[in-house]
Amino acid sequence: MPTHLLTLGKDPAISHKFMAQLEAARPGKYTATLTHSPDEFEEYAKEQKEKIDFVLLGAAQTDDQVANAKTIVASVWGKAKESKDEPGEGLWVLRIPTSLLTKEGKEGGFIKFFLEQVEG
């Protein structure tokens, strides 16, 4: 069964490009629910709680937006985990670093970072 992530990004085109790159790199391994607003993120978090394996926040999310997303995660899953190996209840929240908001990041840097964090 594929790993399912809930994403929060600013630009739908970038989100879709990321998922296309991820599918090309790891066919059938990952699926995602893509959201682009806090309300949409919260709605899908609640509706798909049992289906979501972890959360991915886009690089363009501000610190306040990240904090808000983590509050939503904590309200739905009990805690926003800082690492995939953190024990106990909760759900891991992975943030793509703002340093990858570059042409290089959009052309493969996001994927490299993601795979290192998730699979490495």
PDB file of N, CA and C in Angstrom:
ATOM      1  N   MET A   1       0.848  -1.177   0.000  1.00  0.00           N
ATOM      2  CA  MET A   1       0.000   0.000   0.000  1.00  0.00           C
ATOM      3  C   MET A   1       0.897   1.245   0.000  1.00  0.00           C
ATOM      4  N   PRO A   2       0.602   2.210  -0.844  1.00  0.00           N
ATOM      5  CA  PRO A   2       1.447   3.403  -0.902  1.00  0.00           C
ATOM      6  C   PRO A   2       1.364   4.234   0.381  1.00  0.00           C
ATOM      7  N   THR A   3       2.415   4.972   0.633  1.00  0.00           N
ATOM      8  CA  THR A   3       2.446   5.935   1.726  1.00  0.00           C
ATOM      9  C   THR A   3       1.651   7.156   1.277  1.00  0.00           C
ATOM     10  N   HIS A   4       0.715   7.597   2.130  1.00  0.00           N
ATOM     11  CA  HIS A   4      -0.133   8.737   1.755  1.00  0.00           C
ATOM     12  C   HIS A   4       0.225   9.947   2.606  1.00  0.00           C
ATOM     13  N   LEU A   5       0.497  11.063   1.933  1.00  0.00           N
ATOM     14  CA  LEU A   5       0.824  12.278   2.656  1.00  0.00           C
ATOM     15  C   LEU A   5      -0.218  13.354   2.420  1.00  0.00           C
ATOM     16  N   LEU A   6      -0.356  14.191   3.410  1.00  0.00           N
ATOM     17  CA  LEU A   6      -1.193  15.379   3.317  1.00  0.00           C
ATOM     18  C   LEU A   6      -0.236  16.544   3.157  1.00  0.00           C
ATOM     19  N   THR A   7      -0.397  17.308   2.083  1.00  0.00           N
ATOM     20  CA  THR A   7       0.522  18.413   1.843  1.00  0.00           C
ATOM     21  C   THR A   7      -0.187  19.748   2.021  1.00  0.00           C
ATOM     22  N   LEU A   8       0.601  20.746   2.387  1.00  0.00           N
ATOM     23  CA  LEU A   8       0.121  22.124   2.418  1.00  0.00           C
ATOM     24  C   LEU A   8       1.144  22.957   1.668  1.00  0.00           C
ATOM     25  N   GLY A   9       0.730  23.477   0.532  1.00  0.00           N
ATOM     26  CA  GLY A   9       1.608  24.301  -0.295  1.00  0.00           C
ATOM     27  C   GLY A   9       0.912  25.585  -0.686  1.00  0.00           C
ATOM     28  N   LYS A  10       1.667  26.481  -1.291  1.00  0.00           N
ATOM     29  CA  LYS A  10       1.092  27.755  -1.732  1.00  0.00           C
ATOM     30  C   LYS A  10       0.678  27.721  -3.193  1.00  0.00           C
ATOM     31  N   ASP A  11       1.462  27.048  -4.024  1.00  0.00           N
ATOM     32  CA  ASP A  11       1.271  27.088  -5.469  1.00  0.00           C
ATOM     33  C   ASP A  11       0.874  25.708  -5.993  1.00  0.00           C
ATOM     34  N   PRO A  12      -0.364  25.554  -6.449  1.00  0.00           N
ATOM     35  CA  PRO A  12      -0.795  24.247  -6.952  1.00  0.00           C
ATOM     36  C   PRO A  12       0.107  23.692  -8.057  1.00  0.00           C
ATOM     37  N   ALA A  13       0.623  24.547  -8.924  1.00  0.00           N
ATOM     38  CA  ALA A  13       1.486  24.072 -10.009  1.00  0.00           C
ATOM     39  C   ALA A  13       2.748  23.420  -9.453  1.00  0.00           C
ATOM     40  N   ILE A  14       3.331  24.017  -8.424  1.00  0.00           N
ATOM     41  CA  ILE A  14       4.541  23.448  -7.813  1.00  0.00           C
ATOM     42  C   ILE A  14       4.196  22.144  -7.098  1.00  0.00           C
ATOM     43  N   SER A  15       3.063  22.110  -6.406  1.00  0.00           N
ATOM     44  CA  SER A  15       2.645  20.881  -5.716  1.00  0.00           C
ATOM     45  C   SER A  15       2.469  19.732  -6.700  1.00  0.00           C
ATOM     46  N   HIS A  16       1.808  20.004  -7.811  1.00  0.00           N
ATOM     47  CA  HIS A  16       1.582  18.960  -8.815  1.00  0.00           C
ATOM     48  C   HIS A  16       2.894  18.534  -9.476  1.00  0.00           C
ATOM     49  N   LYS A  17       3.792  19.483  -9.709  1.00  0.00           N
ATOM     50  CA  LYS A  17       5.094  19.145 -10.294  1.00  0.00           C
ATOM     51  C   LYS A  17       5.886  18.261  -9.333  1.00  0.00           C
ATOM     52  N   PHE A  18       5.861  18.597  -8.042  1.00  0.00           N
ATOM     53  CA  PHE A  18       6.550  17.783  -7.040  1.00  0.00           C
ATOM     54  C   PHE A  18       6.020  16.356  -7.059  1.00  0.00           C
ATOM     55  N   MET A  19       4.707  16.206  -7.062  1.00  0.00           N
ATOM     56  CA  MET A  19       4.129  14.858  -7.052  1.00  0.00           C
ATOM     57  C   MET A  19       4.449  14.099  -8.338  1.00  0.00           C
ATOM     58  N   ALA A  20       4.515  14.792  -9.461  1.00  0.00           N
ATOM     59  CA  ALA A  20       4.898  14.138 -10.720  1.00  0.00           C
ATOM     60  C   ALA A  20       6.346  13.668 -10.648  1.00  0.00           C
ATOM     61  N   GLN A  21       7.221  14.499 -10.070  1.00  0.00           N
ATOM     62  CA  GLN A  21       8.627  14.108  -9.904  1.00  0.00           C
ATOM     63  C   GLN A  21       8.741  12.934  -8.943  1.00  0.00           C
ATOM     64  N   LEU A  22       7.959  12.954  -7.888  1.00  0.00           N
ATOM     65  CA  LEU A  22       7.988  11.869  -6.909  1.00  0.00           C
ATOM     66  C   LEU A  22       7.486  10.568  -7.537  1.00  0.00           C
ATOM     67  N   GLU A  23       6.440  10.650  -8.317  1.00  0.00           N
ATOM     68  CA  GLU A  23       5.913   9.459  -8.996  1.00  0.00           C
ATOM     69  C   GLU A  23       6.942   8.902  -9.980  1.00  0.00           C
ATOM     70  N   ALA A  24       7.663   9.779 -10.662  1.00  0.00           N
ATOM     71  CA  ALA A  24       8.695   9.326 -11.602  1.00  0.00           C
ATOM     72  C   ALA A  24       9.849   8.659 -10.856  1.00  0.00           C
ATOM     73  N   ALA A  25      10.188   9.199  -9.687  1.00  0.00           N
ATOM     74  CA  ALA A  25      11.311   8.657  -8.904  1.00  0.00           C
ATOM     75  C   ALA A  25      10.934   7.370  -8.176  1.00  0.00           C
ATOM     76  N   ARG A  26       9.710   7.274  -7.713  1.00  0.00           N
ATOM     77  CA  ARG A  26       9.246   6.126  -6.929  1.00  0.00           C
ATOM     78  C   ARG A  26       7.834   5.734  -7.370  1.00  0.00           C
ATOM     79  N   PRO A  27       7.698   5.136  -8.542  1.00  0.00           N
ATOM     80  CA  PRO A  27       6.366   4.823  -9.073  1.00  0.00           C
ATOM     81  C   PRO A  27       5.515   4.011  -8.093  1.00  0.00           C
ATOM     82  N   GLY A  28       4.322   4.526  -7.819  1.00  0.00           N
ATOM     83  CA  GLY A  28       3.361   3.819  -6.983  1.00  0.00           C
ATOM     84  C   GLY A  28       3.647   3.802  -5.496  1.00  0.00           C
ATOM     85  N   LYS A  29       4.744   4.420  -5.066  1.00  0.00           N
ATOM     86  CA  LYS A  29       5.123   4.348  -3.650  1.00  0.00           C
ATOM     87  C   LYS A  29       4.434   5.409  -2.784  1.00  0.00           C
ATOM     88  N   TYR A  30       4.129   6.560  -3.368  1.00  0.00           N
ATOM     89  CA  TYR A  30       3.551   7.664  -2.603  1.00  0.00           C
ATOM     90  C   TYR A  30       2.303   8.203  -3.291  1.00  0.00           C
ATOM     91  N   THR A  31       1.308   8.549  -2.477  1.00  0.00           N
ATOM     92  CA  THR A  31       0.133   9.278  -2.941  1.00  0.00           C
ATOM     93  C   THR A  31      -0.036  10.477  -2.017  1.00  0.00           C
ATOM     94  N   ALA A  32      -0.828  11.443  -2.458  1.00  0.00           N
ATOM     95  CA  ALA A  32      -0.976  12.643  -1.633  1.00  0.00           C
ATOM     96  C   ALA A  32      -2.331  13.290  -1.825  1.00  0.00           C
ATOM     97  N   THR A  33      -2.752  13.953  -0.767  1.00  0.00           N
ATOM     98  CA  THR A  33      -3.858  14.888  -0.824  1.00  0.00           C
ATOM     99  C   THR A  33      -3.208  16.260  -0.774  1.00  0.00           C
ATOM    100  N   LEU A  34      -3.368  17.030  -1.843  1.00  0.00           N
ATOM    101  CA  LEU A  34      -2.725  18.340  -1.957  1.00  0.00           C
ATOM    102  C   LEU A  34      -3.688  19.424  -1.497  1.00  0.00           C
ATOM    103  N   THR A  35      -3.253  20.237  -0.539  1.00  0.00           N
ATOM    104  CA  THR A  35      -4.079  21.355  -0.078  1.00  0.00           C
ATOM    105  C   THR A  35      -3.285  22.643  -0.225  1.00  0.00           C
ATOM    106  N   HIS A  36      -4.022  23.760  -0.316  1.00  0.00           N
ATOM    107  CA  HIS A  36      -3.369  25.048  -0.540  1.00  0.00           C
ATOM    108  C   HIS A  36      -3.938  26.165   0.331  1.00  0.00           C
ATOM    109  N   SER A  37      -4.650  25.789   1.389  1.00  0.00           N
ATOM    110  CA  SER A  37      -5.126  26.767   2.373  1.00  0.00           C
ATOM    111  C   SER A  37      -5.244  26.056   3.718  1.00  0.00           C
ATOM    112  N   PRO A  38      -5.114  26.806   4.804  1.00  0.00           N
ATOM    113  CA  PRO A  38      -5.257  26.185   6.129  1.00  0.00           C
ATOM    114  C   PRO A  38      -6.620  25.516   6.330  1.00  0.00           C
ATOM    115  N   ASP A  39      -7.682  26.128   5.829  1.00  0.00           N
ATOM    116  CA  ASP A  39      -9.017  25.534   5.989  1.00  0.00           C
ATOM    117  C   ASP A  39      -9.120  24.206   5.254  1.00  0.00           C
ATOM    118  N   GLU A  40      -8.615  24.176   4.037  1.00  0.00           N
ATOM    119  CA  GLU A  40      -8.622  22.945   3.242  1.00  0.00           C
ATOM    120  C   GLU A  40      -7.757  21.874   3.914  1.00  0.00           C
ATOM    121  N   PHE A  41      -6.595  22.281   4.429  1.00  0.00           N
ATOM    122  CA  PHE A  41      -5.689  21.372   5.133  1.00  0.00           C
ATOM    123  C   PHE A  41      -6.402  20.740   6.329  1.00  0.00           C
ATOM    124  N   GLU A  42      -7.056  21.570   7.135  1.00  0.00           N
ATOM    125  CA  GLU A  42      -7.755  21.064   8.321  1.00  0.00           C
ATOM    126  C   GLU A  42      -8.909  20.140   7.931  1.00  0.00           C
ATOM    127  N   GLU A  43      -9.647  20.514   6.906  1.00  0.00           N
ATOM    128  CA  GLU A  43     -10.774  19.695   6.445  1.00  0.00           C
ATOM    129  C   GLU A  43     -10.300  18.295   6.047  1.00  0.00           C
ATOM    130  N   TYR A  44      -9.260  18.227   5.228  1.00  0.00           N
ATOM    131  CA  TYR A  44      -8.767  16.919   4.784  1.00  0.00           C
ATOM    132  C   TYR A  44      -8.091  16.150   5.911  1.00  0.00           C
ATOM    133  N   ALA A  45      -7.427  16.849   6.828  1.00  0.00           N
ATOM    134  CA  ALA A  45      -6.814  16.172   7.976  1.00  0.00           C
ATOM    135  C   ALA A  45      -7.884  15.418   8.763  1.00  0.00           C
ATOM    136  N   LYS A  46      -8.988  16.065   9.008  1.00  0.00           N
ATOM    137  CA  LYS A  46     -10.073  15.436   9.769  1.00  0.00           C
ATOM    138  C   LYS A  46     -10.765  14.333   8.974  1.00  0.00           C
ATOM    139  N   GLU A  47     -11.019  14.589   7.689  1.00  0.00           N
ATOM    140  CA  GLU A  47     -11.738  13.616   6.857  1.00  0.00           C
ATOM    141  C   GLU A  47     -10.913  12.370   6.559  1.00  0.00           C
ATOM    142  N   GLN A  48      -9.597  12.543   6.409  1.00  0.00           N
ATOM    143  CA  GLN A  48      -8.742  11.438   5.978  1.00  0.00           C
ATOM    144  C   GLN A  48      -7.757  11.000   7.055  1.00  0.00           C
ATOM    145  N   LYS A  49      -8.087  11.267   8.294  1.00  0.00           N
ATOM    146  CA  LYS A  49      -7.187  11.000   9.421  1.00  0.00           C
ATOM    147  C   LYS A  49      -6.556   9.612   9.362  1.00  0.00           C
ATOM    148  N   GLU A  50      -7.330   8.599   9.126  1.00  0.00           N
ATOM    149  CA  GLU A  50      -6.824   7.217   9.148  1.00  0.00           C
ATOM    150  C   GLU A  50      -5.981   6.877   7.924  1.00  0.00           C
ATOM    151  N   LYS A  51      -6.102   7.643   6.883  1.00  0.00           N
ATOM    152  CA  LYS A  51      -5.428   7.368   5.614  1.00  0.00           C
ATOM    153  C   LYS A  51      -4.045   8.027   5.517  1.00  0.00           C
ATOM    154  N   ILE A  52      -3.810   9.070   6.293  1.00  0.00           N
ATOM    155  CA  ILE A  52      -2.604   9.898   6.156  1.00  0.00           C
ATOM    156  C   ILE A  52      -1.462   9.332   6.992  1.00  0.00           C
ATOM    157  N   ASP A  53      -0.304   9.159   6.346  1.00  0.00           N
ATOM    158  CA  ASP A  53       0.882   8.627   7.025  1.00  0.00           C
ATOM    159  C   ASP A  53       1.772   9.724   7.600  1.00  0.00           C
ATOM    160  N   PHE A  54       1.868  10.852   6.921  1.00  0.00           N
ATOM    161  CA  PHE A  54       2.577  12.011   7.460  1.00  0.00           C
ATOM    162  C   PHE A  54       2.211  13.251   6.669  1.00  0.00           C
ATOM    163  N   VAL A  55       2.646  14.418   7.184  1.00  0.00           N
ATOM    164  CA  VAL A  55       2.329  15.715   6.590  1.00  0.00           C
ATOM    165  C   VAL A  55       3.591  16.297   5.974  1.00  0.00           C
ATOM    166  N   LEU A  56       3.428  16.905   4.800  1.00  0.00           N
ATOM    167  CA  LEU A  56       4.520  17.600   4.121  1.00  0.00           C
ATOM    168  C   LEU A  56       4.116  19.052   3.925  1.00  0.00           C
ATOM    169  N   LEU A  57       4.928  19.963   4.464  1.00  0.00           N
ATOM    170  CA  LEU A  57       4.672  21.393   4.315  1.00  0.00           C
ATOM    171  C   LEU A  57       5.632  21.968   3.289  1.00  0.00           C
ATOM    172  N   GLY A  58       5.100  22.751   2.373  1.00  0.00           N
ATOM    173  CA  GLY A  58       5.904  23.346   1.313  1.00  0.00           C
ATOM    174  C   GLY A  58       6.882  24.381   1.829  1.00  0.00           C
ATOM    175  N   ALA A  59       7.905  24.619   1.035  1.00  0.00           N
ATOM    176  CA  ALA A  59       8.983  25.536   1.410  1.00  0.00           C
ATOM    177  C   ALA A  59       8.511  26.979   1.541  1.00  0.00           C
ATOM    178  N   ALA A  60       7.444  27.353   0.865  1.00  0.00           N
ATOM    179  CA  ALA A  60       6.971  28.738   0.902  1.00  0.00           C
ATOM    180  C   ALA A  60       6.098  29.043   2.117  1.00  0.00           C
ATOM    181  N   GLN A  61       5.833  28.058   2.953  1.00  0.00           N
ATOM    182  CA  GLN A  61       5.028  28.288   4.153  1.00  0.00           C
ATOM    183  C   GLN A  61       5.824  29.130   5.153  1.00  0.00           C
ATOM    184  N   THR A  62       5.197  30.167   5.684  1.00  0.00           N
ATOM    185  CA  THR A  62       5.857  31.005   6.685  1.00  0.00           C
ATOM    186  C   THR A  62       5.904  30.265   8.024  1.00  0.00           C
ATOM    187  N   ASP A  63       6.704  30.780   8.940  1.00  0.00           N
ATOM    188  CA  ASP A  63       6.775  30.170  10.272  1.00  0.00           C
ATOM    189  C   ASP A  63       5.398  30.154  10.943  1.00  0.00           C
ATOM    190  N   ASP A  64       4.622  31.218  10.775  1.00  0.00           N
ATOM    191  CA  ASP A  64       3.273  31.266  11.353  1.00  0.00           C
ATOM    192  C   ASP A  64       2.364  30.216  10.719  1.00  0.00           C
ATOM    193  N   GLN A  65       2.480  30.027   9.413  1.00  0.00           N
ATOM    194  CA  GLN A  65       1.668  29.018   8.727  1.00  0.00           C
ATOM    195  C   GLN A  65       2.069  27.611   9.158  1.00  0.00           C
ATOM    196  N   VAL A  66       3.364  27.400   9.352  1.00  0.00           N
ATOM    197  CA  VAL A  66       3.847  26.101   9.835  1.00  0.00           C
ATOM    198  C   VAL A  66       3.311  25.845  11.240  1.00  0.00           C
ATOM    199  N   ALA A  67       3.392  26.855  12.101  1.00  0.00           N
ATOM    200  CA  ALA A  67       2.877  26.708  13.468  1.00  0.00           C
ATOM    201  C   ALA A  67       1.383  26.392  13.450  1.00  0.00           C
ATOM    202  N   ASN A  68       0.634  27.052  12.584  1.00  0.00           N
ATOM    203  CA  ASN A  68      -0.803  26.788  12.468  1.00  0.00           C
ATOM    204  C   ASN A  68      -1.055  25.357  11.989  1.00  0.00           C
ATOM    205  N   ALA A  69      -0.301  24.908  10.993  1.00  0.00           N
ATOM    206  CA  ALA A  69      -0.457  23.536  10.491  1.00  0.00           C
ATOM    207  C   ALA A  69      -0.144  22.524  11.588  1.00  0.00           C
ATOM    208  N   LYS A  70       0.895  22.788  12.371  1.00  0.00           N
ATOM    209  CA  LYS A  70       1.251  21.875  13.463  1.00  0.00           C
ATOM    210  C   LYS A  70       0.169  21.858  14.545  1.00  0.00           C
ATOM    211  N   THR A  71      -0.471  22.989  14.779  1.00  0.00           N
ATOM    212  CA  THR A  71      -1.586  23.040  15.728  1.00  0.00           C
ATOM    213  C   THR A  71      -2.743  22.178  15.226  1.00  0.00           C
ATOM    214  N   ILE A  72      -3.008  22.247  13.929  1.00  0.00           N
ATOM    215  CA  ILE A  72      -4.062  21.410  13.340  1.00  0.00           C
ATOM    216  C   ILE A  72      -3.696  19.941  13.481  1.00  0.00           C
ATOM    217  N   VAL A  73      -2.450  19.598  13.171  1.00  0.00           N
ATOM    218  CA  VAL A  73      -1.999  18.205  13.300  1.00  0.00           C
ATOM    219  C   VAL A  73      -2.168  17.730  14.738  1.00  0.00           C
ATOM    220  N   ALA A  74      -1.757  18.551  15.695  1.00  0.00           N
ATOM    221  CA  ALA A  74      -1.883  18.169  17.105  1.00  0.00           C
ATOM    222  C   ALA A  74      -3.349  17.980  17.499  1.00  0.00           C
ATOM    223  N   SER A  75      -4.232  18.814  16.968  1.00  0.00           N
ATOM    224  CA  SER A  75      -5.650  18.679  17.325  1.00  0.00           C
ATOM    225  C   SER A  75      -6.270  17.419  16.725  1.00  0.00           C
ATOM    226  N   VAL A  76      -5.759  16.968  15.583  1.00  0.00           N
ATOM    227  CA  VAL A  76      -6.318  15.786  14.918  1.00  0.00           C
ATOM    228  C   VAL A  76      -5.645  14.499  15.386  1.00  0.00           C
ATOM    229  N   TRP A  77      -4.301  14.519  15.503  1.00  0.00           N
ATOM    230  CA  TRP A  77      -3.553  13.292  15.816  1.00  0.00           C
ATOM    231  C   TRP A  77      -2.946  13.265  17.225  1.00  0.00           C
ATOM    232  N   GLY A  78      -3.103  14.333  17.993  1.00  0.00           N
ATOM    233  CA  GLY A  78      -2.591  14.351  19.353  1.00  0.00           C
ATOM    234  C   GLY A  78      -1.266  15.065  19.518  1.00  0.00           C
ATOM    235  N   LYS A  79      -0.442  15.079  18.474  1.00  0.00           N
ATOM    236  CA  LYS A  79       0.866  15.730  18.553  1.00  0.00           C
ATOM    237  C   LYS A  79       1.433  15.859  17.149  1.00  0.00           C
ATOM    238  N   ALA A  80       2.174  16.947  16.912  1.00  0.00           N
ATOM    239  CA  ALA A  80       2.933  17.112  15.670  1.00  0.00           C
ATOM    240  C   ALA A  80       4.361  16.674  15.961  1.00  0.00           C
ATOM    241  N   LYS A  81       4.755  15.556  15.391  1.00  0.00           N
ATOM    242  CA  LYS A  81       6.099  15.018  15.639  1.00  0.00           C
ATOM    243  C   LYS A  81       7.131  15.747  14.788  1.00  0.00           C
ATOM    244  N   GLU A  82       8.301  15.965  15.373  1.00  0.00           N
ATOM    245  CA  GLU A  82       9.387  16.660  14.690  1.00  0.00           C
ATOM    246  C   GLU A  82      10.255  15.725  13.856  1.00  0.00           C
ATOM    247  N   SER A  83      10.183  14.422  14.117  1.00  0.00           N
ATOM    248  CA  SER A  83      10.968  13.458  13.336  1.00  0.00           C
ATOM    249  C   SER A  83      10.130  12.215  13.080  1.00  0.00           C
ATOM    250  N   LYS A  84      10.481  11.497  12.026  1.00  0.00           N
ATOM    251  CA  LYS A  84       9.692  10.311  11.671  1.00  0.00           C
ATOM    252  C   LYS A  84       9.848   9.201  12.693  1.00  0.00           C
ATOM    253  N   ASP A  85      10.947   9.211  13.455  1.00  0.00           N
ATOM    254  CA  ASP A  85      11.217   8.158  14.428  1.00  0.00           C
ATOM    255  C   ASP A  85      10.779   8.506  15.847  1.00  0.00           C
ATOM    256  N   GLU A  86      10.179   9.667  16.023  1.00  0.00           N
ATOM    257  CA  GLU A  86       9.742  10.084  17.357  1.00  0.00           C
ATOM    258  C   GLU A  86       8.659   9.127  17.855  1.00  0.00           C
ATOM    259  N   PRO A  87       8.858   8.551  19.043  1.00  0.00           N
ATOM    260  CA  PRO A  87       7.876   7.582  19.551  1.00  0.00           C
ATOM    261  C   PRO A  87       6.597   8.256  20.047  1.00  0.00           C
ATOM    262  N   GLY A  88       5.602   7.431  20.255  1.00  0.00           N
ATOM    263  CA  GLY A  88       4.359   7.908  20.840  1.00  0.00           C
ATOM    264  C   GLY A  88       3.339   8.342  19.807  1.00  0.00           C
ATOM    265  N   GLU A  89       2.228   8.851  20.349  1.00  0.00           N
ATOM    266  CA  GLU A  89       1.141   9.276  19.475  1.00  0.00           C
ATOM    267  C   GLU A  89       1.539  10.515  18.683  1.00  0.00           C
ATOM    268  N   GLY A  90       0.789  10.757  17.641  1.00  0.00           N
ATOM    269  CA  GLY A  90       1.018  11.943  16.837  1.00  0.00           C
ATOM    270  C   GLY A  90       1.356  11.596  15.402  1.00  0.00           C
ATOM    271  N   LEU A  91       1.605  12.633  14.626  1.00  0.00           N
ATOM    272  CA  LEU A  91       1.911  12.468  13.209  1.00  0.00           C
ATOM    273  C   LEU A  91       3.114  13.331  12.862  1.00  0.00           C
ATOM    274  N   TRP A  92       4.012  12.773  12.065  1.00  0.00           N
ATOM    275  CA  TRP A  92       5.227  13.469  11.649  1.00  0.00           C
ATOM    276  C   TRP A  92       4.880  14.584  10.672  1.00  0.00           C
ATOM    277  N   VAL A  93       5.477  15.755  10.897  1.00  0.00           N
ATOM    278  CA  VAL A  93       5.332  16.905  10.014  1.00  0.00           C
ATOM    279  C   VAL A  93       6.710  17.221   9.442  1.00  0.00           C
ATOM    280  N   LEU A  94       6.847  17.065   8.139  1.00  0.00           N
ATOM    281  CA  LEU A  94       8.098  17.352   7.436  1.00  0.00           C
ATOM    282  C   LEU A  94       7.932  18.656   6.674  1.00  0.00           C
ATOM    283  N   ARG A  95       8.853  19.576   6.898  1.00  0.00           N
ATOM    284  CA  ARG A  95       8.815  20.869   6.204  1.00  0.00           C
ATOM    285  C   ARG A  95       9.975  20.934   5.222  1.00  0.00           C
ATOM    286  N   ILE A  96       9.664  21.238   3.971  1.00  0.00           N
ATOM    287  CA  ILE A  96      10.724  21.465   2.993  1.00  0.00           C
ATOM    288  C   ILE A  96      11.353  22.810   3.339  1.00  0.00           C
ATOM    289  N   PRO A  97      12.679  22.856   3.503  1.00  0.00           N
ATOM    290  CA  PRO A  97      13.317  24.102   3.935  1.00  0.00           C
ATOM    291  C   PRO A  97      13.181  25.229   2.909  1.00  0.00           C
ATOM    292  N   THR A  98      13.075  26.449   3.425  1.00  0.00           N
ATOM    293  CA  THR A  98      12.954  27.612   2.547  1.00  0.00           C
ATOM    294  C   THR A  98      14.188  27.788   1.670  1.00  0.00           C
ATOM    295  N   SER A  99      15.312  27.225   2.071  1.00  0.00           N
ATOM    296  CA  SER A  99      16.532  27.323   1.260  1.00  0.00           C
ATOM    297  C   SER A  99      16.367  26.642  -0.096  1.00  0.00           C
ATOM    298  N   LEU A 100      15.340  25.809  -0.240  1.00  0.00           N
ATOM    299  CA  LEU A 100      15.093  25.135  -1.518  1.00  0.00           C
ATOM    300  C   LEU A 100      14.124  25.907  -2.413  1.00  0.00           C
ATOM    301  N   LEU A 101      13.785  27.134  -2.029  1.00  0.00           N
ATOM    302  CA  LEU A 101      12.938  27.972  -2.881  1.00  0.00           C
ATOM    303  C   LEU A 101      13.794  28.608  -3.977  1.00  0.00           C
ATOM    304  N   THR A 102      14.367  27.765  -4.778  1.00  0.00           N
ATOM    305  CA  THR A 102      15.247  28.179  -5.866  1.00  0.00           C
ATOM    306  C   THR A 102      14.857  27.399  -7.111  1.00  0.00           C
ATOM    307  N   LYS A 103      15.418  27.792  -8.232  1.00  0.00           N
ATOM    308  CA  LYS A 103      15.184  27.035  -9.465  1.00  0.00           C
ATOM    309  C   LYS A 103      15.660  25.597  -9.282  1.00  0.00           C
ATOM    310  N   GLU A 104      16.828  25.434  -8.653  1.00  0.00           N
ATOM    311  CA  GLU A 104      17.372  24.096  -8.410  1.00  0.00           C
ATOM    312  C   GLU A 104      16.436  23.276  -7.519  1.00  0.00           C
ATOM    313  N   GLY A 105      15.882  23.918  -6.506  1.00  0.00           N
ATOM    314  CA  GLY A 105      14.957  23.225  -5.611  1.00  0.00           C
ATOM    315  C   GLY A 105      13.730  22.728  -6.344  1.00  0.00           C
ATOM    316  N   LYS A 106      13.191  23.581  -7.199  1.00  0.00           N
ATOM    317  CA  LYS A 106      11.987  23.216  -7.943  1.00  0.00           C
ATOM    318  C   LYS A 106      12.272  22.187  -9.031  1.00  0.00           C
ATOM    319  N   GLU A 107      13.521  22.059  -9.425  1.00  0.00           N
ATOM    320  CA  GLU A 107      13.881  21.126 -10.500  1.00  0.00           C
ATOM    321  C   GLU A 107      14.558  19.868  -9.971  1.00  0.00           C
ATOM    322  N   GLY A 108      14.277  19.494  -8.747  1.00  0.00           N
ATOM    323  CA  GLY A 108      14.810  18.245  -8.219  1.00  0.00           C
ATOM    324  C   GLY A 108      15.299  18.314  -6.792  1.00  0.00           C
ATOM    325  N   GLY A 109      15.593  19.496  -6.303  1.00  0.00           N
ATOM    326  CA  GLY A 109      16.065  19.640  -4.928  1.00  0.00           C
ATOM    327  C   GLY A 109      15.017  19.247  -3.900  1.00  0.00           C
ATOM    328  N   PHE A 110      13.742  19.568  -4.180  1.00  0.00           N
ATOM    329  CA  PHE A 110      12.660  19.177  -3.276  1.00  0.00           C
ATOM    330  C   PHE A 110      12.621  17.661  -3.140  1.00  0.00           C
ATOM    331  N   ILE A 111      12.701  16.978  -4.278  1.00  0.00           N
ATOM    332  CA  ILE A 111      12.621  15.512  -4.286  1.00  0.00           C
ATOM    333  C   ILE A 111      13.804  14.906  -3.553  1.00  0.00           C
ATOM    334  N   LYS A 112      14.991  15.411  -3.833  1.00  0.00           N
ATOM    335  CA  LYS A 112      16.196  14.887  -3.169  1.00  0.00           C
ATOM    336  C   LYS A 112      16.057  15.017  -1.656  1.00  0.00           C
ATOM    337  N   PHE A 113      15.677  16.204  -1.177  1.00  0.00           N
ATOM    338  CA  PHE A 113      15.491  16.426   0.255  1.00  0.00           C
ATOM    339  C   PHE A 113      14.433  15.470   0.811  1.00  0.00           C
ATOM    340  N   PHE A 114      13.300  15.383   0.140  1.00  0.00           N
ATOM    341  CA  PHE A 114      12.203  14.529   0.584  1.00  0.00           C
ATOM    342  C   PHE A 114      12.663  13.084   0.734  1.00  0.00           C
ATOM    343  N   LEU A 115      13.299  12.546  -0.292  1.00  0.00           N
ATOM    344  CA  LEU A 115      13.719  11.146  -0.257  1.00  0.00           C
ATOM    345  C   LEU A 115      14.773  10.897   0.817  1.00  0.00           C
ATOM    346  N   GLU A 116      15.687  11.849   1.025  1.00  0.00           N
ATOM    347  CA  GLU A 116      16.686  11.703   2.095  1.00  0.00           C
ATOM    348  C   GLU A 116      16.002  11.643   3.457  1.00  0.00           C
ATOM    349  N   GLN A 117      15.015  12.492   3.677  1.00  0.00           N
ATOM    350  CA  GLN A 117      14.330  12.538   4.970  1.00  0.00           C
ATOM    351  C   GLN A 117      13.428  11.326   5.191  1.00  0.00           C
ATOM    352  N   VAL A 118      12.714  10.931   4.159  1.00  0.00           N
ATOM    353  CA  VAL A 118      11.713   9.875   4.299  1.00  0.00           C
ATOM    354  C   VAL A 118      12.327   8.484   4.202  1.00  0.00           C
ATOM    355  N   GLU A 119      13.252   8.309   3.282  1.00  0.00           N
ATOM    356  CA  GLU A 119      13.806   6.978   3.035  1.00  0.00           C
ATOM    357  C   GLU A 119      15.218   6.797   3.572  1.00  0.00           C
ATOM    358  N   GLY A 120      15.902   7.910   3.844  1.00  0.00           N
ATOM    359  CA  GLY A 120      17.310   7.843   4.230  1.00  0.00           C
ATOM    360  C   GLY A 120      17.565   7.616   5.622  1.00  0.00           C
TER     361      GLY A 120
END
